[in-house]
Structure formats: structure tokens, C-alpha cells
Amino acid sequence: MSENIKLVRKYLAIDENRNIVAEGNSWEEVEEIMEKKGYKRSQYDILTVVKQEKS
């Protein structure tokens, strides 16, 4: 029997030292946060975390 699964995506920005410095619900939101914090795009990476939401 098939079952619906709801997935939730979170986007995390990590700096050069692999510290999590921002979290958001979209790539654009994370980029805005990082810009406000004074980071340039080459100074951080964005990871996408996908989780199953509990029903």
C-alpha cells in the first residue's frame, strides 16, 4: 500500500570553517541573510537538508 510522505527542505549556509552561520527556507533567503552579515558569495557554501516531516 502506498503512503504519502511530506518532505521539508532547509537551507544552511556554512562558512570556511564549516560553522553554520545562517538557516532559511529558500536559497534566496539564505543569500539575503549572508549579504546582511557581510559575507561574499565565495566565502560560504549552501547545503540543502531534506527531512521527512512527521504526520
PDB file of N, CA and C in Angstrom:
ATOM      1  N   MET A   1       0.839  -1.170   0.000  1.00  0.00           N
ATOM      2  CA  MET A   1       0.000   0.000   0.000  1.00  0.00           C
ATOM      3  C   MET A   1       0.894   1.248   0.000  1.00  0.00           C
ATOM      4  N   SER A   2       0.565   2.220  -0.848  1.00  0.00           N
ATOM      5  CA  SER A   2       1.385   3.430  -0.917  1.00  0.00           C
ATOM      6  C   SER A   2       0.970   4.425   0.161  1.00  0.00           C
ATOM      7  N   GLU A   3       1.897   5.264   0.503  1.00  0.00           N
ATOM      8  CA  GLU A   3       1.675   6.221   1.582  1.00  0.00           C
ATOM      9  C   GLU A   3       2.324   7.549   1.186  1.00  0.00           C
ATOM     10  N   ASN A   4       1.656   8.653   1.467  1.00  0.00           N
ATOM     11  CA  ASN A   4       2.209   9.969   1.156  1.00  0.00           C
ATOM     12  C   ASN A   4       3.239  10.360   2.205  1.00  0.00           C
ATOM     13  N   ILE A   5       4.320  10.928   1.730  1.00  0.00           N
ATOM     14  CA  ILE A   5       5.381  11.392   2.612  1.00  0.00           C
ATOM     15  C   ILE A   5       5.587  12.878   2.340  1.00  0.00           C
ATOM     16  N   LYS A   6       5.604  13.687   3.389  1.00  0.00           N
ATOM     17  CA  LYS A   6       5.848  15.114   3.227  1.00  0.00           C
ATOM     18  C   LYS A   6       7.309  15.396   3.548  1.00  0.00           C
ATOM     19  N   LEU A   7       7.986  16.058   2.605  1.00  0.00           N
ATOM     20  CA  LEU A   7       9.386  16.399   2.796  1.00  0.00           C
ATOM     21  C   LEU A   7       9.525  17.877   3.107  1.00  0.00           C
ATOM     22  N   VAL A   8      10.473  18.192   3.971  1.00  0.00           N
ATOM     23  CA  VAL A   8      10.752  19.577   4.344  1.00  0.00           C
ATOM     24  C   VAL A   8      12.204  19.865   3.973  1.00  0.00           C
ATOM     25  N   ARG A   9      12.416  20.981   3.282  1.00  0.00           N
ATOM     26  CA  ARG A   9      13.775  21.380   2.906  1.00  0.00           C
ATOM     27  C   ARG A   9      14.213  22.568   3.747  1.00  0.00           C
ATOM     28  N   LYS A  10      15.423  22.494   4.234  1.00  0.00           N
ATOM     29  CA  LYS A  10      16.058  23.599   4.949  1.00  0.00           C
ATOM     30  C   LYS A  10      17.373  23.885   4.233  1.00  0.00           C
ATOM     31  N   TYR A  11      17.741  25.130   4.204  1.00  0.00           N
ATOM     32  CA  TYR A  11      18.981  25.540   3.564  1.00  0.00           C
ATOM     33  C   TYR A  11      19.892  26.124   4.629  1.00  0.00           C
ATOM     34  N   LEU A  12      21.124  25.625   4.679  1.00  0.00           N
ATOM     35  CA  LEU A  12      22.097  26.058   5.679  1.00  0.00           C
ATOM     36  C   LEU A  12      23.304  26.665   4.979  1.00  0.00           C
ATOM     37  N   ALA A  13      23.760  27.798   5.475  1.00  0.00           N
ATOM     38  CA  ALA A  13      24.997  28.393   4.971  1.00  0.00           C
ATOM     39  C   ALA A  13      26.109  28.036   5.938  1.00  0.00           C
ATOM     40  N   ILE A  14      27.206  27.532   5.384  1.00  0.00           N
ATOM     41  CA  ILE A  14      28.363  27.207   6.216  1.00  0.00           C
ATOM     42  C   ILE A  14      29.554  28.035   5.737  1.00  0.00           C
ATOM     43  N   ASP A  15      30.322  28.544   6.693  1.00  0.00           N
ATOM     44  CA  ASP A  15      31.474  29.369   6.336  1.00  0.00           C
ATOM     45  C   ASP A  15      32.698  28.500   6.060  1.00  0.00           C
ATOM     46  N   GLU A  16      33.824  29.156   5.853  1.00  0.00           N
ATOM     47  CA  GLU A  16      35.064  28.451   5.509  1.00  0.00           C
ATOM     48  C   GLU A  16      35.526  27.493   6.595  1.00  0.00           C
ATOM     49  N   ASN A  17      35.117  27.752   7.842  1.00  0.00           N
ATOM     50  CA  ASN A  17      35.488  26.881   8.962  1.00  0.00           C
ATOM     51  C   ASN A  17      34.437  25.817   9.243  1.00  0.00           C
ATOM     52  N   ARG A  18      33.466  25.688   8.352  1.00  0.00           N
ATOM     53  CA  ARG A  18      32.376  24.707   8.441  1.00  0.00           C
ATOM     54  C   ARG A  18      31.442  24.960   9.617  1.00  0.00           C
ATOM     55  N   ASN A  19      31.309  26.218  10.018  1.00  0.00           N
ATOM     56  CA  ASN A  19      30.326  26.599  11.033  1.00  0.00           C
ATOM     57  C   ASN A  19      29.035  26.989  10.333  1.00  0.00           C
ATOM     58  N   ILE A  20      27.905  26.596  10.898  1.00  0.00           N
ATOM     59  CA  ILE A  20      26.618  27.007  10.344  1.00  0.00           C
ATOM     60  C   ILE A  20      26.384  28.455  10.753  1.00  0.00           C
ATOM     61  N   VAL A  21      26.233  29.339   9.770  1.00  0.00           N
ATOM     62  CA  VAL A  21      26.087  30.763  10.067  1.00  0.00           C
ATOM     63  C   VAL A  21      24.723  31.318   9.663  1.00  0.00           C
ATOM     64  N   ALA A  22      23.924  30.550   8.928  1.00  0.00           N
ATOM     65  CA  ALA A  22      22.578  31.007   8.566  1.00  0.00           C
ATOM     66  C   ALA A  22      21.718  29.806   8.206  1.00  0.00           C
ATOM     67  N   GLU A  23      20.415  29.972   8.412  1.00  0.00           N
ATOM     68  CA  GLU A  23      19.452  28.924   8.081  1.00  0.00           C
ATOM     69  C   GLU A  23      18.224  29.597   7.492  1.00  0.00           C
ATOM     70  N   GLY A  24      17.664  28.984   6.448  1.00  0.00           N
ATOM     71  CA  GLY A  24      16.483  29.571   5.830  1.00  0.00           C
ATOM     72  C   GLY A  24      15.635  28.537   5.125  1.00  0.00           C
ATOM     73  N   ASN A  25      14.501  29.000   4.618  1.00  0.00           N
ATOM     74  CA  ASN A  25      13.570  28.119   3.913  1.00  0.00           C
ATOM     75  C   ASN A  25      13.766  28.143   2.404  1.00  0.00           C
ATOM     76  N   SER A  26      14.651  29.014   1.918  1.00  0.00           N
ATOM     77  CA  SER A  26      14.953  29.052   0.490  1.00  0.00           C
ATOM     78  C   SER A  26      16.402  29.498   0.299  1.00  0.00           C
ATOM     79  N   TRP A  27      16.918  29.180  -0.870  1.00  0.00           N
ATOM     80  CA  TRP A  27      18.284  29.562  -1.227  1.00  0.00           C
ATOM     81  C   TRP A  27      18.414  31.085  -1.181  1.00  0.00           C
ATOM     82  N   GLU A  28      17.413  31.780  -1.728  1.00  0.00           N
ATOM     83  CA  GLU A  28      17.434  33.240  -1.786  1.00  0.00           C
ATOM     84  C   GLU A  28      17.420  33.861  -0.388  1.00  0.00           C
ATOM     85  N   GLU A  29      16.645  33.272   0.508  1.00  0.00           N
ATOM     86  CA  GLU A  29      16.576  33.774   1.882  1.00  0.00           C
ATOM     87  C   GLU A  29      17.943  33.678   2.559  1.00  0.00           C
ATOM     88  N   VAL A  30      18.625  32.568   2.360  1.00  0.00           N
ATOM     89  CA  VAL A  30      19.955  32.383   2.950  1.00  0.00           C
ATOM     90  C   VAL A  30      20.939  33.389   2.355  1.00  0.00           C
ATOM     91  N   GLU A  31      20.874  33.608   1.045  1.00  0.00           N
ATOM     92  CA  GLU A  31      21.775  34.578   0.418  1.00  0.00           C
ATOM     93  C   GLU A  31      21.543  35.990   0.956  1.00  0.00           C
ATOM     94  N   GLU A  32      20.283  36.366   1.188  1.00  0.00           N
ATOM     95  CA  GLU A  32      19.971  37.683   1.757  1.00  0.00           C
ATOM     96  C   GLU A  32      20.548  37.824   3.166  1.00  0.00           C
ATOM     97  N   ILE A  33      20.382  36.783   3.982  1.00  0.00           N
ATOM     98  CA  ILE A  33      20.907  36.804   5.352  1.00  0.00           C
ATOM     99  C   ILE A  33      22.428  36.967   5.329  1.00  0.00           C
ATOM    100  N   MET A  34      23.072  36.207   4.465  1.00  0.00           N
ATOM    101  CA  MET A  34      24.533  36.260   4.396  1.00  0.00           C
ATOM    102  C   MET A  34      25.027  37.615   3.890  1.00  0.00           C
ATOM    103  N   GLU A  35      24.297  38.204   2.954  1.00  0.00           N
ATOM    104  CA  GLU A  35      24.667  39.528   2.456  1.00  0.00           C
ATOM    105  C   GLU A  35      24.571  40.565   3.576  1.00  0.00           C
ATOM    106  N   LYS A  36      23.507  40.459   4.396  1.00  0.00           N
ATOM    107  CA  LYS A  36      23.337  41.379   5.525  1.00  0.00           C
ATOM    108  C   LYS A  36      24.449  41.207   6.560  1.00  0.00           C
ATOM    109  N   LYS A  37      24.952  39.966   6.688  1.00  0.00           N
ATOM    110  CA  LYS A  37      26.037  39.706   7.640  1.00  0.00           C
ATOM    111  C   LYS A  37      27.399  40.115   7.091  1.00  0.00           C
ATOM    112  N   GLY A  38      27.443  40.526   5.820  1.00  0.00           N
ATOM    113  CA  GLY A  38      28.693  41.000   5.239  1.00  0.00           C
ATOM    114  C   GLY A  38      29.532  39.949   4.538  1.00  0.00           C
ATOM    115  N   TYR A  39      28.985  38.772   4.293  1.00  0.00           N
ATOM    116  CA  TYR A  39      29.723  37.717   3.606  1.00  0.00           C
ATOM    117  C   TYR A  39      29.612  37.892   2.095  1.00  0.00           C
ATOM    118  N   LYS A  40      30.684  37.565   1.390  1.00  0.00           N
ATOM    119  CA  LYS A  40      30.653  37.498  -0.068  1.00  0.00           C
ATOM    120  C   LYS A  40      30.317  36.063  -0.450  1.00  0.00           C
ATOM    121  N   ARG A  41      29.766  35.879  -1.643  1.00  0.00           N
ATOM    122  CA  ARG A  41      29.303  34.551  -2.065  1.00  0.00           C
ATOM    123  C   ARG A  41      30.432  33.512  -2.059  1.00  0.00           C
ATOM    124  N   SER A  42      31.650  33.932  -2.300  1.00  0.00           N
ATOM    125  CA  SER A  42      32.774  32.988  -2.334  1.00  0.00           C
ATOM    126  C   SER A  42      33.230  32.558  -0.940  1.00  0.00           C
ATOM    127  N   GLN A  43      32.661  33.153   0.108  1.00  0.00           N
ATOM    128  CA  GLN A  43      33.091  32.854   1.476  1.00  0.00           C
ATOM    129  C   GLN A  43      32.238  31.801   2.170  1.00  0.00           C
ATOM    130  N   TYR A  44      31.202  31.311   1.526  1.00  0.00           N
ATOM    131  CA  TYR A  44      30.340  30.320   2.171  1.00  0.00           C
ATOM    132  C   TYR A  44      29.723  29.384   1.136  1.00  0.00           C
ATOM    133  N   ASP A  45      29.256  28.251   1.616  1.00  0.00           N
ATOM    134  CA  ASP A  45      28.533  27.279   0.799  1.00  0.00           C
ATOM    135  C   ASP A  45      27.136  27.131   1.369  1.00  0.00           C
ATOM    136  N   ILE A  46      26.209  26.724   0.519  1.00  0.00           N
ATOM    137  CA  ILE A  46      24.843  26.484   0.974  1.00  0.00           C
ATOM    138  C   ILE A  46      24.545  24.998   0.827  1.00  0.00           C
ATOM    139  N   LEU A  47      24.124  24.398   1.931  1.00  0.00           N
ATOM    140  CA  LEU A  47      23.739  22.987   1.942  1.00  0.00           C
ATOM    141  C   LEU A  47      22.222  22.882   1.971  1.00  0.00           C
ATOM    142  N   THR A  48      21.700  21.877   1.303  1.00  0.00           N
ATOM    143  CA  THR A  48      20.268  21.609   1.334  1.00  0.00           C
ATOM    144  C   THR A  48      20.044  20.365   2.184  1.00  0.00           C
ATOM    145  N   VAL A  49      19.222  20.500   3.210  1.00  0.00           N
ATOM    146  CA  VAL A  49      18.891  19.386   4.094  1.00  0.00           C
ATOM    147  C   VAL A  49      17.438  19.009   3.829  1.00  0.00           C
ATOM    148  N   VAL A  50      17.207  17.741   3.533  1.00  0.00           N
ATOM    149  CA  VAL A  50      15.850  17.270   3.258  1.00  0.00           C
ATOM    150  C   VAL A  50      15.466  16.279   4.345  1.00  0.00           C
ATOM    151  N   LYS A  51      14.324  16.544   4.995  1.00  0.00           N
ATOM    152  CA  LYS A  51      13.847  15.666   6.068  1.00  0.00           C
ATOM    153  C   LYS A  51      12.402  15.274   5.804  1.00  0.00           C
ATOM    154  N   GLN A  52      12.028  14.151   6.347  1.00  0.00           N
ATOM    155  CA  GLN A  52      10.630  13.733   6.303  1.00  0.00           C
ATOM    156  C   GLN A  52       9.921  14.362   7.489  1.00  0.00           C
ATOM    157  N   GLU A  53       8.814  15.041   7.223  1.00  0.00           N
ATOM    158  CA  GLU A  53       8.045  15.654   8.303  1.00  0.00           C
ATOM    159  C   GLU A  53       7.137  14.603   8.923  1.00  0.00           C
ATOM    160  N   LYS A  54       7.071  14.598  10.238  1.00  0.00           N
ATOM    161  CA  LYS A  54       6.219  13.636  10.938  1.00  0.00           C
ATOM    162  C   LYS A  54       4.762  14.027  10.786  1.00  0.00           C
ATOM    163  N   SER A  55       3.932  13.049  10.554  1.00  0.00           N
ATOM    164  CA  SER A  55       2.496  13.312  10.370  1.00  0.00           C
ATOM    165  C   SER A  55       1.759  13.319  11.682  1.00  0.00           C
TER     166      SER A  55
END
